[in-house]
Each structure stands twice: as structure tokens, then as C-alpha cells.
Amino acid sequence: ALLYSFKHPDQVQRLVLTGSSGLFENGMGGSFPKR
């Protein structure tokens, strides 16, 4: 949603982020999925 808003600010009126990545995140608890 952030990347789209950067590219198309004229299309976005409001923005809601919940638990968003983009600054820091522990993906899957710090590891990639184990098959």
C-alpha cells in the first residue's frame, strides 16, 4: 500500500496500515518457511 501510494499519490485518499512491513520485520519469526 505504501509503495503504491508513492507511485500514485493522486489515486489514494486515505491509508490504513496494520502490522506493516517496510521498516523492520521478523519474517516467520526470524526464519524462512521450513518445508
Full PDB file with SEQRES, HELIX, SHEET, SSBOND, CRYST1, ORIGX, SCALE, CONECT and MASTER records, all heavy atoms in Angstrom:
SEQRES   1 A   35  ALA LEU LEU TYR SER PHE LYS HIS PRO ASP GLN VAL GLN          
SEQRES   2 A   35  ARG LEU VAL LEU THR GLY SER SER GLY LEU PHE GLU ASN          
SEQRES   3 A   35  GLY MET GLY GLY SER PHE PRO LYS ARG                          
HELIX    1 AA1 LEU A    2  LYS A    7  1                                   6    
HELIX    2 AA2 PRO A    9  GLN A   11  5                                   3    
HELIX    3 AA3 GLY A   27  GLY A   29  5                                   3    
CRYST1    1.000    1.000    1.000  90.00  90.00  90.00 P 1           1          
ORIGX1      1.000000  0.000000  0.000000        0.00000                         
ORIGX2      0.000000  1.000000  0.000000        0.00000                         
ORIGX3      0.000000  0.000000  1.000000        0.00000                         
SCALE1      1.000000  0.000000  0.000000        0.00000                         
SCALE2      0.000000  1.000000  0.000000        0.00000                         
SCALE3      0.000000  0.000000  1.000000        0.00000                         
ATOM      1  N   ALA A   1       0.834  -1.204   0.000  1.00  0.00           N  
ATOM      2  CA  ALA A   1       0.000   0.000   0.000  1.00  0.00           C  
ATOM      3  C   ALA A   1       0.867   1.252   0.000  1.00  0.00           C  
ATOM      4  O   ALA A   1       0.557   2.241  -0.691  1.00  0.00           O  
ATOM      5  CB  ALA A   1      -0.922  -0.011   1.214  1.00  0.00           C  
ATOM      6  N   LEU A   2       1.957   1.230   0.744  1.00  0.00           N  
ATOM      7  CA  LEU A   2       2.876   2.373   0.766  1.00  0.00           C  
ATOM      8  C   LEU A   2       3.539   2.575  -0.594  1.00  0.00           C  
ATOM      9  O   LEU A   2       3.592   3.701  -1.117  1.00  0.00           O  
ATOM     10  CB  LEU A   2       3.940   2.168   1.836  1.00  0.00           C  
ATOM     11  CG  LEU A   2       3.472   2.339   3.281  1.00  0.00           C  
ATOM     12  CD1 LEU A   2       4.494   1.765   4.253  1.00  0.00           C  
ATOM     13  CD2 LEU A   2       3.215   3.814   3.590  1.00  0.00           C  
ATOM     14  N   LEU A   3       4.039   1.489  -1.183  1.00  0.00           N  
ATOM     15  CA  LEU A   3       4.708   1.609  -2.481  1.00  0.00           C  
ATOM     16  C   LEU A   3       3.751   2.107  -3.553  1.00  0.00           C  
ATOM     17  O   LEU A   3       4.121   2.924  -4.407  1.00  0.00           O  
ATOM     18  CB  LEU A   3       5.315   0.265  -2.887  1.00  0.00           C  
ATOM     19  CG  LEU A   3       6.429  -0.276  -1.977  1.00  0.00           C  
ATOM     20  CD1 LEU A   3       6.946  -1.609  -2.506  1.00  0.00           C  
ATOM     21  CD2 LEU A   3       7.563   0.718  -1.838  1.00  0.00           C  
ATOM     22  N   TYR A   4       2.505   1.613  -3.517  1.00  0.00           N  
ATOM     23  CA  TYR A   4       1.510   2.100  -4.484  1.00  0.00           C  
ATOM     24  C   TYR A   4       1.236   3.587  -4.256  1.00  0.00           C  
ATOM     25  O   TYR A   4       1.123   4.362  -5.214  1.00  0.00           O  
ATOM     26  CB  TYR A   4       0.215   1.299  -4.377  1.00  0.00           C  
ATOM     27  CG  TYR A   4      -0.815   1.758  -5.393  1.00  0.00           C  
ATOM     28  CD1 TYR A   4      -0.818   1.239  -6.677  1.00  0.00           C  
ATOM     29  CD2 TYR A   4      -1.749   2.738  -5.065  1.00  0.00           C  
ATOM     30  CE1 TYR A   4      -1.730   1.683  -7.625  1.00  0.00           C  
ATOM     31  CE2 TYR A   4      -2.670   3.189  -6.005  1.00  0.00           C  
ATOM     32  CZ  TYR A   4      -2.650   2.661  -7.286  1.00  0.00           C  
ATOM     33  OH  TYR A   4      -3.549   3.117  -8.220  1.00  0.00           O  
ATOM     34  N   SER A   5       1.156   3.996  -3.007  1.00  0.00           N  
ATOM     35  CA  SER A   5       0.881   5.399  -2.680  1.00  0.00           C  
ATOM     36  C   SER A   5       2.013   6.311  -3.144  1.00  0.00           C  
ATOM     37  O   SER A   5       1.761   7.434  -3.590  1.00  0.00           O  
ATOM     38  CB  SER A   5       0.674   5.557  -1.176  1.00  0.00           C  
ATOM     39  OG  SER A   5      -0.447   4.818  -0.725  1.00  0.00           O  
ATOM     40  N   PHE A   6       3.262   5.840  -3.038  1.00  0.00           N  
ATOM     41  CA  PHE A   6       4.384   6.641  -3.536  1.00  0.00           C  
ATOM     42  C   PHE A   6       4.260   6.875  -5.035  1.00  0.00           C  
ATOM     43  O   PHE A   6       4.546   7.965  -5.532  1.00  0.00           O  
ATOM     44  CB  PHE A   6       5.722   5.930  -3.265  1.00  0.00           C  
ATOM     45  CG  PHE A   6       6.066   5.739  -1.814  1.00  0.00           C  
ATOM     46  CD1 PHE A   6       6.895   4.692  -1.424  1.00  0.00           C  
ATOM     47  CD2 PHE A   6       5.579   6.590  -0.833  1.00  0.00           C  
ATOM     48  CE1 PHE A   6       7.230   4.499  -0.094  1.00  0.00           C  
ATOM     49  CE2 PHE A   6       5.901   6.410   0.509  1.00  0.00           C  
ATOM     50  CZ  PHE A   6       6.731   5.362   0.871  1.00  0.00           C  
ATOM     51  N   LYS A   7       3.839   5.833  -5.778  1.00  0.00           N  
ATOM     52  CA  LYS A   7       3.779   5.914  -7.234  1.00  0.00           C  
ATOM     53  C   LYS A   7       2.527   6.635  -7.731  1.00  0.00           C  
ATOM     54  O   LYS A   7       2.554   7.276  -8.780  1.00  0.00           O  
ATOM     55  CB  LYS A   7       3.804   4.503  -7.845  1.00  0.00           C  
ATOM     56  CG  LYS A   7       5.138   3.801  -7.762  1.00  0.00           C  
ATOM     57  CD  LYS A   7       5.116   2.481  -8.530  1.00  0.00           C  
ATOM     58  CE  LYS A   7       5.017   2.691 -10.030  1.00  0.00           C  
ATOM     59  NZ  LYS A   7       5.077   1.409 -10.784  1.00  0.00           N  
ATOM     60  N   HIS A   8       1.426   6.513  -6.973  1.00  0.00           N  
ATOM     61  CA  HIS A   8       0.142   7.051  -7.443  1.00  0.00           C  
ATOM     62  C   HIS A   8      -0.544   7.866  -6.342  1.00  0.00           C  
ATOM     63  O   HIS A   8      -1.654   7.522  -5.911  1.00  0.00           O  
ATOM     64  CB  HIS A   8      -0.772   5.896  -7.886  1.00  0.00           C  
ATOM     65  CG  HIS A   8      -0.159   5.004  -8.915  1.00  0.00           C  
ATOM     66  ND1 HIS A   8      -0.111   5.320 -10.258  1.00  0.00           N  
ATOM     67  CD2 HIS A   8       0.442   3.782  -8.801  1.00  0.00           C  
ATOM     68  CE1 HIS A   8       0.483   4.339 -10.930  1.00  0.00           C  
ATOM     69  NE2 HIS A   8       0.830   3.411 -10.068  1.00  0.00           N  
ATOM     70  N   PRO A   9       0.096   8.931  -5.905  1.00  0.00           N  
ATOM     71  CA  PRO A   9      -0.499   9.706  -4.804  1.00  0.00           C  
ATOM     72  C   PRO A   9      -1.854  10.302  -5.142  1.00  0.00           C  
ATOM     73  O   PRO A   9      -2.690  10.515  -4.253  1.00  0.00           O  
ATOM     74  CB  PRO A   9       0.539  10.816  -4.550  1.00  0.00           C  
ATOM     75  CG  PRO A   9       1.315  10.913  -5.829  1.00  0.00           C  
ATOM     76  CD  PRO A   9       1.358   9.516  -6.374  1.00  0.00           C  
ATOM     77  N   ASP A  10      -2.108  10.516  -6.436  1.00  0.00           N  
ATOM     78  CA  ASP A  10      -3.384  11.093  -6.847  1.00  0.00           C  
ATOM     79  C   ASP A  10      -4.531  10.102  -6.748  1.00  0.00           C  
ATOM     80  O   ASP A  10      -5.706  10.494  -6.807  1.00  0.00           O  
ATOM     81  CB  ASP A  10      -3.291  11.617  -8.280  1.00  0.00           C  
ATOM     82  CG  ASP A  10      -2.861  10.530  -9.270  1.00  0.00           C  
ATOM     83  OD1 ASP A  10      -1.981   9.718  -8.904  1.00  0.00           O  
ATOM     84  OD2 ASP A  10      -3.389  10.495 -10.397  1.00  0.00           O  
ATOM     85  N   GLN A  11      -4.222   8.809  -6.598  1.00  0.00           N  
ATOM     86  CA  GLN A  11      -5.264   7.789  -6.530  1.00  0.00           C  
ATOM     87  C   GLN A  11      -5.642   7.403  -5.102  1.00  0.00           C  
ATOM     88  O   GLN A  11      -6.615   6.679  -4.897  1.00  0.00           O  
ATOM     89  CB  GLN A  11      -4.793   6.522  -7.257  1.00  0.00           C  
ATOM     90  CG  GLN A  11      -4.496   6.716  -8.736  1.00  0.00           C  
ATOM     91  CD  GLN A  11      -5.723   7.114  -9.532  1.00  0.00           C  
ATOM     92  OE1 GLN A  11      -6.819   6.623  -9.283  1.00  0.00           O  
ATOM     93  NE2 GLN A  11      -5.549   8.026 -10.477  1.00  0.00           N  
ATOM     94  N   VAL A  12      -4.871   7.867  -4.129  1.00  0.00           N  
ATOM     95  CA  VAL A  12      -5.052   7.423  -2.744  1.00  0.00           C  
ATOM     96  C   VAL A  12      -5.566   8.575  -1.887  1.00  0.00           C  
ATOM     97  O   VAL A  12      -4.948   9.635  -1.810  1.00  0.00           O  
ATOM     98  CB  VAL A  12      -3.733   6.883  -2.160  1.00  0.00           C  
ATOM     99  CG1 VAL A  12      -3.936   6.416  -0.712  1.00  0.00           C  
ATOM    100  CG2 VAL A  12      -3.200   5.731  -3.015  1.00  0.00           C  
ATOM    101  N   GLN A  13      -6.700   8.353  -1.241  1.00  0.00           N  
ATOM    102  CA  GLN A  13      -7.303   9.366  -0.379  1.00  0.00           C  
ATOM    103  C   GLN A  13      -6.987   9.135   1.096  1.00  0.00           C  
ATOM    104  O   GLN A  13      -6.861  10.078   1.862  1.00  0.00           O  
ATOM    105  CB  GLN A  13      -8.827   9.357  -0.568  1.00  0.00           C  
ATOM    106  CG  GLN A  13      -9.292   9.874  -1.903  1.00  0.00           C  
ATOM    107  CD  GLN A  13      -9.910  11.262  -1.789  1.00  0.00           C  
ATOM    108  OE1 GLN A  13      -9.962  11.857  -0.717  1.00  0.00           O  
ATOM    109  NE2 GLN A  13     -10.377  11.788  -2.901  1.00  0.00           N  
ATOM    110  N   ARG A  14      -6.905   7.874   1.484  1.00  0.00           N  
ATOM    111  CA  ARG A  14      -6.652   7.534   2.884  1.00  0.00           C  
ATOM    112  C   ARG A  14      -5.827   6.252   2.929  1.00  0.00           C  
ATOM    113  O   ARG A  14      -5.889   5.437   2.009  1.00  0.00           O  
ATOM    114  CB  ARG A  14      -7.964   7.339   3.652  1.00  0.00           C  
ATOM    115  CG  ARG A  14      -8.856   8.557   3.690  1.00  0.00           C  
ATOM    116  CD  ARG A  14     -10.195   8.304   4.376  1.00  0.00           C  
ATOM    117  NE  ARG A  14     -11.055   7.399   3.631  1.00  0.00           N  
ATOM    118  CZ  ARG A  14     -12.375   7.274   3.834  1.00  0.00           C  
ATOM    119  NH1 ARG A  14     -12.973   8.007   4.756  1.00  0.00           N  
ATOM    120  NH2 ARG A  14     -13.093   6.433   3.124  1.00  0.00           N  
ATOM    121  N   LEU A  15      -5.089   6.087   4.024  1.00  0.00           N  
ATOM    122  CA  LEU A  15      -4.194   4.946   4.147  1.00  0.00           C  
ATOM    123  C   LEU A  15      -4.323   4.354   5.547  1.00  0.00           C  
ATOM    124  O   LEU A  15      -4.334   5.088   6.544  1.00  0.00           O  
ATOM    125  CB  LEU A  15      -2.761   5.407   3.900  1.00  0.00           C  
ATOM    126  CG  LEU A  15      -1.652   4.362   3.856  1.00  0.00           C  
ATOM    127  CD1 LEU A  15      -1.870   3.363   2.729  1.00  0.00           C  
ATOM    128  CD2 LEU A  15      -0.295   5.060   3.672  1.00  0.00           C  
ATOM    129  N   VAL A  16      -4.440   3.025   5.611  1.00  0.00           N  
ATOM    130  CA  VAL A  16      -4.531   2.321   6.896  1.00  0.00           C  
ATOM    131  C   VAL A  16      -3.487   1.205   6.888  1.00  0.00           C  
ATOM    132  O   VAL A  16      -3.502   0.341   6.004  1.00  0.00           O  
ATOM    133  CB  VAL A  16      -5.936   1.724   7.124  1.00  0.00           C  
ATOM    134  CG1 VAL A  16      -5.990   1.004   8.475  1.00  0.00           C  
ATOM    135  CG2 VAL A  16      -7.007   2.806   7.043  1.00  0.00           C  
ATOM    136  N   LEU A  17      -2.589   1.238   7.860  1.00  0.00           N  
ATOM    137  CA  LEU A  17      -1.543   0.227   7.986  1.00  0.00           C  
ATOM    138  C   LEU A  17      -1.707  -0.502   9.299  1.00  0.00           C  
ATOM    139  O   LEU A  17      -1.910   0.112  10.345  1.00  0.00           O  
ATOM    140  CB  LEU A  17      -0.155   0.870   7.940  1.00  0.00           C  
ATOM    141  CG  LEU A  17       0.159   1.779   6.744  1.00  0.00           C  
ATOM    142  CD1 LEU A  17       1.552   2.387   6.912  1.00  0.00           C  
ATOM    143  CD2 LEU A  17       0.068   1.007   5.436  1.00  0.00           C  
ATOM    144  N   THR A  18      -1.606  -1.828   9.257  1.00  0.00           N  
ATOM    145  CA  THR A  18      -1.674  -2.619  10.482  1.00  0.00           C  
ATOM    146  C   THR A  18      -0.609  -3.708  10.409  1.00  0.00           C  
ATOM    147  O   THR A  18      -0.605  -4.526   9.498  1.00  0.00           O  
ATOM    148  CB  THR A  18      -3.089  -3.203  10.702  1.00  0.00           C  
ATOM    149  OG1 THR A  18      -3.093  -4.001  11.887  1.00  0.00           O  
ATOM    150  CG2 THR A  18      -3.590  -4.009   9.528  1.00  0.00           C  
ATOM    151  N   GLY A  19       0.343  -3.644  11.347  1.00  0.00           N  
ATOM    152  CA  GLY A  19       1.450  -4.593  11.332  1.00  0.00           C  
ATOM    153  C   GLY A  19       2.243  -4.545  10.037  1.00  0.00           C  
ATOM    154  O   GLY A  19       2.722  -5.570   9.558  1.00  0.00           O  
ATOM    155  N   SER A  20       2.415  -3.345   9.466  1.00  0.00           N  
ATOM    156  CA  SER A  20       3.033  -3.229   8.142  1.00  0.00           C  
ATOM    157  C   SER A  20       4.530  -3.508   8.187  1.00  0.00           C  
ATOM    158  O   SER A  20       5.234  -3.100   9.100  1.00  0.00           O  
ATOM    159  CB  SER A  20       2.796  -1.821   7.586  1.00  0.00           C  
ATOM    160  OG  SER A  20       3.439  -1.657   6.339  1.00  0.00           O  
ATOM    161  N   SER A  21       5.013  -4.185   7.143  1.00  0.00           N  
ATOM    162  CA  SER A  21       6.454  -4.254   6.926  1.00  0.00           C  
ATOM    163  C   SER A  21       6.886  -2.979   6.208  1.00  0.00           C  
ATOM    164  O   SER A  21       6.072  -2.130   5.887  1.00  0.00           O  
ATOM    165  CB  SER A  21       6.813  -5.503   6.110  1.00  0.00           C  
ATOM    166  OG  SER A  21       6.180  -5.492   4.852  1.00  0.00           O  
ATOM    167  N   GLY A  22       8.186  -2.863   5.991  1.00  0.00           N  
ATOM    168  CA  GLY A  22       8.704  -1.674   5.325  1.00  0.00           C  
ATOM    169  C   GLY A  22       9.763  -0.956   6.130  1.00  0.00           C  
ATOM    170  O   GLY A  22      10.577  -0.207   5.576  1.00  0.00           O  
ATOM    171  N   LEU A  23       9.757  -1.157   7.439  1.00  0.00           N  
ATOM    172  CA  LEU A  23      10.801  -0.587   8.288  1.00  0.00           C  
ATOM    173  C   LEU A  23      11.628  -1.699   8.934  1.00  0.00           C  
ATOM    174  O   LEU A  23      12.837  -1.740   8.820  1.00  0.00           O  
ATOM    175  CB  LEU A  23      10.190   0.316   9.371  1.00  0.00           C  
ATOM    176  CG  LEU A  23       9.518   1.599   8.881  1.00  0.00           C  
ATOM    177  CD1 LEU A  23       8.946   2.388  10.051  1.00  0.00           C  
ATOM    178  CD2 LEU A  23      10.508   2.476   8.099  1.00  0.00           C  
ATOM    179  N   PHE A  24      10.945  -2.603   9.619  1.00  0.00           N  
ATOM    180  CA  PHE A  24      11.610  -3.740  10.254  1.00  0.00           C  
ATOM    181  C   PHE A  24      10.592  -4.834  10.473  1.00  0.00           C  
ATOM    182  O   PHE A  24       9.458  -4.564  10.869  1.00  0.00           O  
ATOM    183  CB  PHE A  24      12.214  -3.335  11.604  1.00  0.00           C  
ATOM    184  CG  PHE A  24      12.691  -4.517  12.410  1.00  0.00           C  
ATOM    185  CD1 PHE A  24      13.917  -5.110  12.124  1.00  0.00           C  
ATOM    186  CD2 PHE A  24      11.912  -5.055  13.417  1.00  0.00           C  
ATOM    187  CE1 PHE A  24      14.352  -6.208  12.844  1.00  0.00           C  
ATOM    188  CE2 PHE A  24      12.341  -6.156  14.148  1.00  0.00           C  
ATOM    189  CZ  PHE A  24      13.565  -6.732  13.852  1.00  0.00           C  
ATOM    190  N   GLU A  25      10.998  -6.070  10.219  1.00  0.00           N  
ATOM    191  CA  GLU A  25      10.092  -7.179  10.475  1.00  0.00           C  
ATOM    192  C   GLU A  25      10.876  -8.460  10.712  1.00  0.00           C  
ATOM    193  O   GLU A  25      11.953  -8.655  10.147  1.00  0.00           O  
ATOM    194  CB  GLU A  25       9.089  -7.377   9.333  1.00  0.00           C  
ATOM    195  CG  GLU A  25       9.680  -7.765   8.004  1.00  0.00           C  
ATOM    196  CD  GLU A  25      10.133  -6.577   7.160  1.00  0.00           C  
ATOM    197  OE1 GLU A  25       9.883  -5.424   7.577  1.00  0.00           O  
ATOM    198  OE2 GLU A  25      10.742  -6.793   6.106  1.00  0.00           O  
ATOM    199  N   ASN A  26      10.335  -9.309  11.578  1.00  0.00           N  
ATOM    200  CA  ASN A  26      10.856 -10.653  11.798  1.00  0.00           C  
ATOM    201  C   ASN A  26       9.997 -11.610  10.982  1.00  0.00           C  
ATOM    202  O   ASN A  26       8.978 -12.082  11.458  1.00  0.00           O  
ATOM    203  CB  ASN A  26      10.770 -11.049  13.274  1.00  0.00           C  
ATOM    204  CG  ASN A  26      11.731 -10.257  14.131  1.00  0.00           C  
ATOM    205  OD1 ASN A  26      12.893 -10.092  13.778  1.00  0.00           O  
ATOM    206  ND2 ASN A  26      11.251  -9.748  15.250  1.00  0.00           N  
ATOM    207  N   GLY A  27      10.362 -11.873   9.750  1.00  0.00           N  
ATOM    208  CA  GLY A  27       9.553 -12.737   8.902  1.00  0.00           C  
ATOM    209  C   GLY A  27       9.468 -14.154   9.448  1.00  0.00           C  
ATOM    210  O   GLY A  27      10.479 -14.760   9.758  1.00  0.00           O  
ATOM    211  N   MET A  28       8.251 -14.678   9.570  1.00  0.00           N  
ATOM    212  CA  MET A  28       8.008 -16.037  10.064  1.00  0.00           C  
ATOM    213  C   MET A  28       8.761 -16.291  11.366  1.00  0.00           C  
ATOM    214  O   MET A  28       9.254 -17.384  11.630  1.00  0.00           O  
ATOM    215  CB  MET A  28       8.420 -17.073   9.023  1.00  0.00           C  
ATOM    216  CG  MET A  28       7.441 -17.224   7.878  1.00  0.00           C  
ATOM    217  SD  MET A  28       5.821 -17.849   8.358  1.00  0.00           S  
ATOM    218  CE  MET A  28       6.177 -19.563   8.634  1.00  0.00           C  
ATOM    219  N   GLY A  29       8.877 -15.230  12.199  1.00  0.00           N  
ATOM    220  CA  GLY A  29       9.558 -15.418  13.464  1.00  0.00           C  
ATOM    221  C   GLY A  29      11.058 -15.488  13.305  1.00  0.00           C  
ATOM    222  O   GLY A  29      11.758 -16.071  14.128  1.00  0.00           O  
ATOM    223  N   GLY A  30      11.613 -14.879  12.247  1.00  0.00           N  
ATOM    224  CA  GLY A  30      13.047 -14.805  12.100  1.00  0.00           C  
ATOM    225  C   GLY A  30      13.637 -15.848  11.166  1.00  0.00           C  
ATOM    226  O   GLY A  30      14.839 -15.969  11.041  1.00  0.00           O  
ATOM    227  N   SER A  31      12.802 -16.633  10.484  1.00  0.00           N  
ATOM    228  CA  SER A  31      13.341 -17.646   9.590  1.00  0.00           C  
ATOM    229  C   SER A  31      12.413 -17.842   8.409  1.00  0.00           C  
ATOM    230  O   SER A  31      11.241 -17.488   8.465  1.00  0.00           O  
ATOM    231  CB  SER A  31      13.515 -18.980  10.325  1.00  0.00           C  
ATOM    232  OG  SER A  31      12.271 -19.453  10.774  1.00  0.00           O  
ATOM    233  N   PHE A  32      12.945 -18.402   7.334  1.00  0.00           N  
ATOM    234  CA  PHE A  32      12.131 -18.691   6.175  1.00  0.00           C  
ATOM    235  C   PHE A  32      11.381 -20.003   6.394  1.00  0.00           C  
ATOM    236  O   PHE A  32      11.774 -20.822   7.214  1.00  0.00           O  
ATOM    237  CB  PHE A  32      12.997 -18.770   4.920  1.00  0.00           C  
ATOM    238  CG  PHE A  32      13.542 -17.441   4.506  1.00  0.00           C  
ATOM    239  CD1 PHE A  32      14.900 -17.228   4.445  1.00  0.00           C  
ATOM    240  CD2 PHE A  32      12.682 -16.399   4.219  1.00  0.00           C  
ATOM    241  CE1 PHE A  32      15.403 -15.992   4.070  1.00  0.00           C  
ATOM    242  CE2 PHE A  32      13.179 -15.154   3.837  1.00  0.00           C  
ATOM    243  CZ  PHE A  32      14.538 -14.950   3.771  1.00  0.00           C  
ATOM    244  N   PRO A  33      10.285 -20.227   5.677  1.00  0.00           N  
ATOM    245  CA  PRO A  33       9.465 -21.416   5.909  1.00  0.00           C  
ATOM    246  C   PRO A  33      10.238 -22.710   5.683  1.00  0.00           C  
ATOM    247  O   PRO A  33      10.982 -22.845   4.721  1.00  0.00           O  
ATOM    248  CB  PRO A  33       8.325 -21.266   4.891  1.00  0.00           C  
ATOM    249  CG  PRO A  33       8.813 -20.282   3.893  1.00  0.00           C  
ATOM    250  CD  PRO A  33       9.730 -19.368   4.624  1.00  0.00           C  
ATOM    251  N   LYS A  34      10.058 -23.646   6.589  1.00  0.00           N  
ATOM    252  CA  LYS A  34      10.724 -24.943   6.512  1.00  0.00           C  
ATOM    253  C   LYS A  34       9.736 -25.963   5.949  1.00  0.00           C  
ATOM    254  O   LYS A  34       8.672 -26.188   6.507  1.00  0.00           O  
ATOM    255  CB  LYS A  34      11.187 -25.360   7.904  1.00  0.00           C  
ATOM    256  CG  LYS A  34      11.996 -26.643   7.940  1.00  0.00           C  
ATOM    257  CD  LYS A  34      12.379 -27.000   9.369  1.00  0.00           C  
ATOM    258  CE  LYS A  34      13.285 -25.948   9.971  1.00  0.00           C  
ATOM    259  NZ  LYS A  34      13.705 -26.319  11.345  1.00  0.00           N  
ATOM    260  N   ARG A  35      10.104 -26.564   4.827  1.00  0.00           N  
ATOM    261  CA  ARG A  35       9.200 -27.499   4.175  1.00  0.00           C  
ATOM    262  C   ARG A  35       9.142 -28.825   4.928  1.00  0.00           C  
ATOM    263  O   ARG A  35      10.120 -29.285   5.493  1.00  0.00           O  
ATOM    264  CB  ARG A  35       9.644 -27.761   2.730  1.00  0.00           C  
ATOM    265  CG  ARG A  35       9.429 -26.594   1.798  1.00  0.00           C  
ATOM    266  CD  ARG A  35       9.533 -27.018   0.343  1.00  0.00           C  
ATOM    267  NE  ARG A  35      10.745 -27.781   0.074  1.00  0.00           N  
ATOM    268  CZ  ARG A  35      10.755 -29.059  -0.279  1.00  0.00           C  
ATOM    269  NH1 ARG A  35       9.624 -29.736  -0.382  1.00  0.00           N  
ATOM    270  NH2 ARG A  35      11.891 -29.677  -0.523  1.00  0.00           N  
TER     271      ARG A  35                                                      
MASTER        0    0    0    3    0    0    0    6  270    1    0    3          
END                                                                             
